[in-house]
């Protein structure tokens, strides 16, 4: 939470855009809840007449029109919130990258003797890109889907609060696998950033010292070192992919 709060301080100057994105997210949540509400007359049989089970045209048109409106709200809300939050993320990354660059340039000679140029370049590029994803994608998805959850919950309690309480008993079951997988993803992501830093270091070192590499005929050795580093990065990224990919089906299974 400490890191998140520090990160949000960089987004404070753009709170107007964040507010507009929140309005768009609310429209997305309203469309999602309205779409769920439209299922009620279908389940209850309100779309058919009592004679012969024929489709009641007026009900069918009302439900069809409602579905179009619901998806329109969801689409506009998702598009506007994604674009606005991506803009905020890009602005935050720009400021953060400039601040970090000035901070690194102000360090002592001993600092540059400890840290390689590849590591520092990785900090300015790869690590900052992770921050951009957190601001423009993760925060946006979290806020948008949380509002949708509140809309669904309100609809559940409006229809039948007793049944809603029974259904929500299973909600705590989601927390444990979510926390465990989250911890695994964080560990793997941290390791992945270190491996990517090593890859960047080797590439920068090889390109900057290409005359020395060619003078000693070390192209093969450098290529082998780089290949080993990319293999480690591949294995780490696959660990992250497997952990993230396991989450949606697990949540759906528990929900089912």
Protein backbone atom coordinates (compact mmCIF):
# COMPACT_ATOMS: atom_id res chain seq x y z
CA UNK A 1 0.00 0.00 0.00
CA UNK A 2 2.90 2.36 0.72
CA UNK A 3 4.20 1.99 -2.82
CA UNK A 4 0.71 2.41 -4.27
CA UNK A 5 0.11 5.61 -2.33
CA UNK A 6 3.48 7.00 -3.44
CA UNK A 7 2.58 6.13 -7.03
CA UNK A 8 -0.80 7.83 -6.77
CA UNK A 9 0.91 11.07 -5.74
CA UNK A 10 2.34 11.31 -9.25
CA UNK A 11 -1.20 11.02 -10.67
CA UNK A 12 -2.63 13.81 -8.47
CA UNK A 13 -2.12 16.58 -11.08
CA UNK A 14 -4.32 14.59 -13.47
CA UNK A 15 -7.22 14.04 -11.10
CA UNK A 16 -9.63 15.70 -13.57
CA UNK A 17 -9.00 12.95 -16.11
CA UNK A 18 -9.20 10.34 -13.38
CA UNK A 19 -12.61 11.74 -12.39
CA UNK A 20 -13.82 11.51 -15.99
CA UNK A 21 -12.49 7.96 -16.15
CA UNK A 22 -14.42 7.17 -12.96
CA UNK A 23 -17.62 8.48 -14.60
CA UNK A 24 -16.94 6.25 -17.60
CA UNK A 25 -16.34 3.28 -15.28
CA UNK A 26 -19.67 4.00 -13.60
CA UNK A 27 -21.36 3.85 -17.02
CA UNK A 28 -19.62 0.51 -17.62
CA UNK A 29 -20.85 -0.81 -14.27
CA UNK A 30 -24.38 0.45 -14.93
CA UNK A 31 -24.42 -1.30 -18.32
CA UNK A 32 -23.18 -4.53 -16.75
CA UNK A 33 -25.83 -4.47 -14.02
CA UNK A 34 -28.55 -3.53 -16.52
CA UNK A 35 -27.54 -6.45 -18.71
CA UNK A 36 -27.92 -8.79 -15.74
CA UNK A 37 -31.31 -7.24 -14.95
CA UNK A 38 -32.51 -8.01 -18.49
CA UNK A 39 -32.00 -11.72 -17.80
CA UNK A 40 -34.79 -11.67 -15.18
CA UNK A 41 -37.80 -11.51 -17.56
CA UNK A 42 -36.20 -14.18 -19.75
CA UNK A 43 -35.75 -16.53 -16.80
CA UNK A 44 -39.19 -15.73 -15.42
CA UNK A 45 -40.81 -16.46 -18.78
CA UNK A 46 -42.06 -12.92 -19.19
CA UNK A 47 -40.97 -12.81 -22.84
CA UNK A 48 -43.53 -15.41 -23.96
CA UNK A 49 -47.27 -15.26 -24.06
CA UNK A 50 -49.47 -17.77 -22.29
CA UNK A 51 -51.07 -18.94 -25.54
CA UNK A 52 -49.02 -21.45 -27.46
CA UNK A 53 -45.71 -20.29 -26.00
CA UNK A 54 -45.24 -17.82 -28.85
CA UNK A 55 -42.79 -14.98 -28.40
CA UNK A 56 -44.46 -11.76 -27.29
CA UNK A 57 -43.22 -9.21 -29.84
CA UNK A 58 -43.35 -6.21 -27.49
CA UNK A 59 -41.38 -8.00 -24.81
CA UNK A 60 -38.84 -9.24 -27.32
CA UNK A 61 -38.32 -5.74 -28.73
CA UNK A 62 -37.99 -4.23 -25.24
CA UNK A 63 -35.42 -6.82 -24.15
CA UNK A 64 -33.52 -6.57 -27.45
CA UNK A 65 -33.40 -2.79 -27.22
CA UNK A 66 -32.28 -3.00 -23.61
CA UNK A 67 -29.45 -5.36 -24.56
CA UNK A 68 -28.24 -2.91 -27.21
CA UNK A 69 -28.32 -0.04 -24.70
CA UNK A 70 -26.52 -2.10 -22.05
CA UNK A 71 -23.70 -3.10 -24.41
CA UNK A 72 -23.46 0.48 -25.67
CA UNK A 73 -22.97 1.74 -22.12
CA UNK A 74 -20.41 -0.97 -21.41
CA UNK A 75 -18.52 -0.27 -24.64
CA UNK A 76 -18.42 3.51 -24.23
CA UNK A 77 -17.49 3.20 -20.55
CA UNK A 78 -14.72 0.67 -21.20
CA UNK A 79 -13.28 2.66 -24.12
CA UNK A 80 -13.34 6.06 -22.40
CA UNK A 81 -11.95 4.78 -19.10
CA UNK A 82 -9.18 2.82 -20.85
CA UNK A 83 -8.09 5.80 -22.96
CA UNK A 84 -8.21 8.26 -20.06
CA UNK A 85 -6.33 5.99 -17.67
CA UNK A 86 -3.76 5.19 -20.36
CA UNK A 87 -3.22 8.95 -20.78
CA UNK A 88 -2.73 9.33 -17.02
CA UNK A 89 -0.34 6.36 -17.03
CA UNK A 90 1.74 7.86 -19.83
CA UNK A 91 1.91 11.20 -18.02
CA UNK A 92 2.96 9.55 -14.76
CA UNK A 93 5.62 7.52 -16.55
CA UNK A 94 6.98 10.62 -18.29
CA UNK A 95 7.37 12.52 -15.02
CA UNK A 96 8.73 9.49 -13.16
CA UNK A 97 11.26 8.70 -15.89
CA UNK A 98 12.51 12.30 -15.98
CA UNK A 99 12.79 12.39 -12.18
CA UNK A 100 14.67 9.10 -12.08
CA UNK A 101 17.01 10.22 -14.85
CA UNK A 102 17.91 13.40 -12.97
CA UNK A 103 18.33 11.40 -9.77
CA UNK A 104 20.73 8.92 -11.40
CA UNK A 105 22.79 11.66 -13.04
CA UNK A 106 23.25 13.29 -9.62
CA UNK A 107 24.85 10.19 -8.10
CA UNK A 108 28.53 9.89 -7.25
CA UNK A 109 31.24 8.19 -9.27
CA UNK A 110 31.21 5.32 -6.75
CA UNK A 111 27.54 4.71 -7.59
CA UNK A 112 28.32 4.32 -11.30
CA UNK A 113 31.21 1.99 -10.50
CA UNK A 114 28.83 -0.35 -8.65
CA UNK A 115 25.93 -0.26 -11.11
CA UNK A 116 26.41 -1.10 -14.76
CA UNK A 117 24.97 1.05 -17.53
CA UNK A 118 22.73 -1.84 -18.56
CA UNK A 119 21.17 -2.00 -15.11
CA UNK A 120 20.50 1.73 -15.07
CA UNK A 121 19.02 1.67 -18.57
CA UNK A 122 16.76 -1.18 -17.48
CA UNK A 123 15.56 0.94 -14.55
CA UNK A 124 14.62 3.76 -16.92
CA UNK A 125 12.91 1.55 -19.49
CA UNK A 126 11.69 -1.84 -18.32
CA UNK A 127 10.93 -1.03 -14.68
CA UNK A 128 9.17 2.23 -15.55
CA UNK A 129 7.02 0.37 -18.08
CA UNK A 130 5.82 -1.83 -15.22
CA UNK A 131 4.69 1.33 -13.44
CA UNK A 132 2.80 2.42 -16.56
CA UNK A 133 0.98 -0.90 -16.69
CA UNK A 134 0.07 -0.56 -13.02
CA UNK A 135 -1.41 2.92 -13.49
CA UNK A 136 -3.09 2.62 -16.88
CA UNK A 137 -4.23 -1.02 -16.83
CA UNK A 138 -4.21 -2.56 -13.37
CA UNK A 139 -5.77 0.39 -11.53
CA UNK A 140 -8.29 0.92 -14.33
CA UNK A 141 -9.37 -2.73 -14.38
CA UNK A 142 -9.55 -2.88 -10.60
CA UNK A 143 -11.74 0.22 -10.34
CA UNK A 144 -13.95 -0.66 -13.33
CA UNK A 145 -14.64 -4.25 -12.31
CA UNK A 146 -15.08 -3.29 -8.64
CA UNK A 147 -17.85 -0.88 -9.62
CA UNK A 148 -19.42 -3.64 -11.71
CA UNK A 149 -19.29 -5.98 -8.70
CA UNK A 150 -21.09 -3.38 -6.57
CA UNK A 151 -23.74 -3.09 -9.27
CA UNK A 152 -24.22 -6.85 -9.40
CA UNK A 153 -24.39 -7.07 -5.61
CA UNK A 154 -26.97 -4.29 -5.43
CA UNK A 155 -29.08 -6.10 -8.02
CA UNK A 156 -28.78 -9.37 -6.10
CA UNK A 157 -29.99 -7.83 -2.86
CA UNK A 158 -32.77 -5.97 -4.65
CA UNK A 159 -34.12 -9.17 -6.19
CA UNK A 160 -33.80 -11.41 -3.09
CA UNK A 161 -31.60 -10.40 -0.16
CA UNK A 162 -31.88 -13.79 1.54
CA UNK A 163 -30.73 -15.68 -1.52
CA UNK A 164 -28.01 -13.07 -2.07
CA UNK A 165 -26.62 -13.75 1.40
CA UNK A 166 -26.54 -17.48 0.66
CA UNK A 167 -24.72 -16.88 -2.63
CA UNK A 168 -22.18 -14.52 -1.08
CA UNK A 169 -21.16 -17.12 1.52
CA UNK A 170 -18.82 -18.54 -1.13
CA UNK A 171 -17.09 -15.17 -1.64
CA UNK A 172 -14.41 -15.74 1.07
CA UNK A 173 -13.36 -18.92 -0.75
CA UNK A 174 -11.99 -16.71 -3.52
CA UNK A 175 -9.66 -14.78 -1.21
CA UNK A 176 -7.18 -17.55 -0.32
CA UNK A 177 -6.25 -18.70 -3.86
CA UNK A 178 -6.21 -15.07 -4.96
CA UNK A 179 -3.69 -14.14 -2.26
CA UNK A 180 -1.54 -17.21 -2.85
CA UNK A 181 -1.39 -16.73 -6.60
CA UNK A 182 -0.78 -13.02 -6.10
CA UNK A 183 2.24 -13.75 -3.93
CA UNK A 184 3.58 -16.17 -6.52
CA UNK A 185 3.11 -13.64 -9.31
CA UNK A 186 4.88 -10.91 -7.34
CA UNK A 187 7.87 -13.15 -6.61
CA UNK A 188 8.12 -14.28 -10.22
CA UNK A 189 7.67 -10.76 -11.55
CA UNK A 190 10.46 -9.43 -9.32
CA UNK A 191 12.73 -12.21 -10.54
CA UNK A 192 11.68 -11.52 -14.13
CA UNK A 193 12.66 -7.87 -13.79
CA UNK A 194 16.08 -8.94 -12.52
CA UNK A 195 16.52 -11.35 -15.43
CA UNK A 196 15.44 -8.66 -17.90
CA UNK A 197 17.90 -6.29 -16.28
CA UNK A 198 20.66 -8.86 -16.85
CA UNK A 199 19.66 -9.26 -20.51
CA UNK A 200 19.74 -5.49 -21.00
CA UNK A 201 23.15 -5.33 -19.29
CA UNK A 202 24.64 -7.99 -21.56
CA UNK A 203 23.24 -6.37 -24.70
CA UNK A 204 24.46 -2.89 -23.71
CA UNK A 205 27.88 -4.24 -22.72
CA UNK A 206 28.28 -6.14 -25.98
CA UNK A 207 27.19 -3.26 -28.20
CA UNK A 208 29.26 -0.64 -26.38
CA UNK A 209 32.36 -2.85 -26.43
CA UNK A 210 31.93 -4.23 -29.94
CA UNK A 211 35.51 -3.33 -30.89
CA UNK A 212 36.91 -5.40 -28.02
CA UNK A 213 34.53 -8.26 -28.80
CA UNK A 214 35.66 -8.32 -32.44
CA UNK A 215 39.33 -7.90 -31.54
CA UNK A 216 39.26 -11.05 -29.39
CA UNK A 217 36.84 -12.95 -31.64
CA UNK A 218 34.42 -13.29 -28.72
CA UNK A 219 31.19 -13.05 -30.74
CA UNK A 220 30.33 -16.68 -30.02
CA UNK A 221 31.01 -16.36 -26.29
CA UNK A 222 28.89 -13.21 -26.03
CA UNK A 223 26.09 -14.82 -28.01
CA UNK A 224 26.16 -17.83 -25.67
CA UNK A 225 25.99 -15.61 -22.56
CA UNK A 226 23.10 -13.68 -24.04
CA UNK A 227 21.30 -16.88 -24.99
CA UNK A 228 21.60 -18.25 -21.45
CA UNK A 229 20.20 -14.99 -20.05
CA UNK A 230 17.23 -15.00 -22.43
CA UNK A 231 16.53 -18.63 -21.56
CA UNK A 232 16.35 -17.74 -17.87
CA UNK A 233 14.05 -14.82 -18.72
CA UNK A 234 11.84 -17.14 -20.78
CA UNK A 235 11.45 -19.63 -17.93
CA UNK A 236 10.64 -16.86 -15.46
CA UNK A 237 8.07 -15.29 -17.77
CA UNK A 238 6.41 -18.66 -18.26
CA UNK A 239 6.09 -19.02 -14.48
CA UNK A 240 4.29 -15.68 -14.42
CA UNK A 241 2.08 -16.69 -17.35
CA UNK A 242 1.07 -19.98 -15.74
CA UNK A 243 0.19 -18.28 -12.45
CA UNK A 244 -1.85 -15.54 -14.11
CA UNK A 245 -3.58 -17.95 -16.52
CA UNK A 246 -4.66 -20.21 -13.63
CA UNK A 247 -6.56 -17.43 -11.88
CA UNK A 248 -9.62 -16.90 -14.17
CA UNK A 249 -10.60 -20.59 -14.51
CA UNK A 250 -10.05 -21.12 -10.77
CA UNK A 251 -12.30 -18.17 -9.93
CA UNK A 252 -14.95 -19.38 -12.37
CA UNK A 253 -14.83 -22.88 -10.91
CA UNK A 254 -15.30 -21.59 -7.35
CA UNK A 255 -18.06 -19.29 -8.57
CA UNK A 256 -19.77 -22.19 -10.34
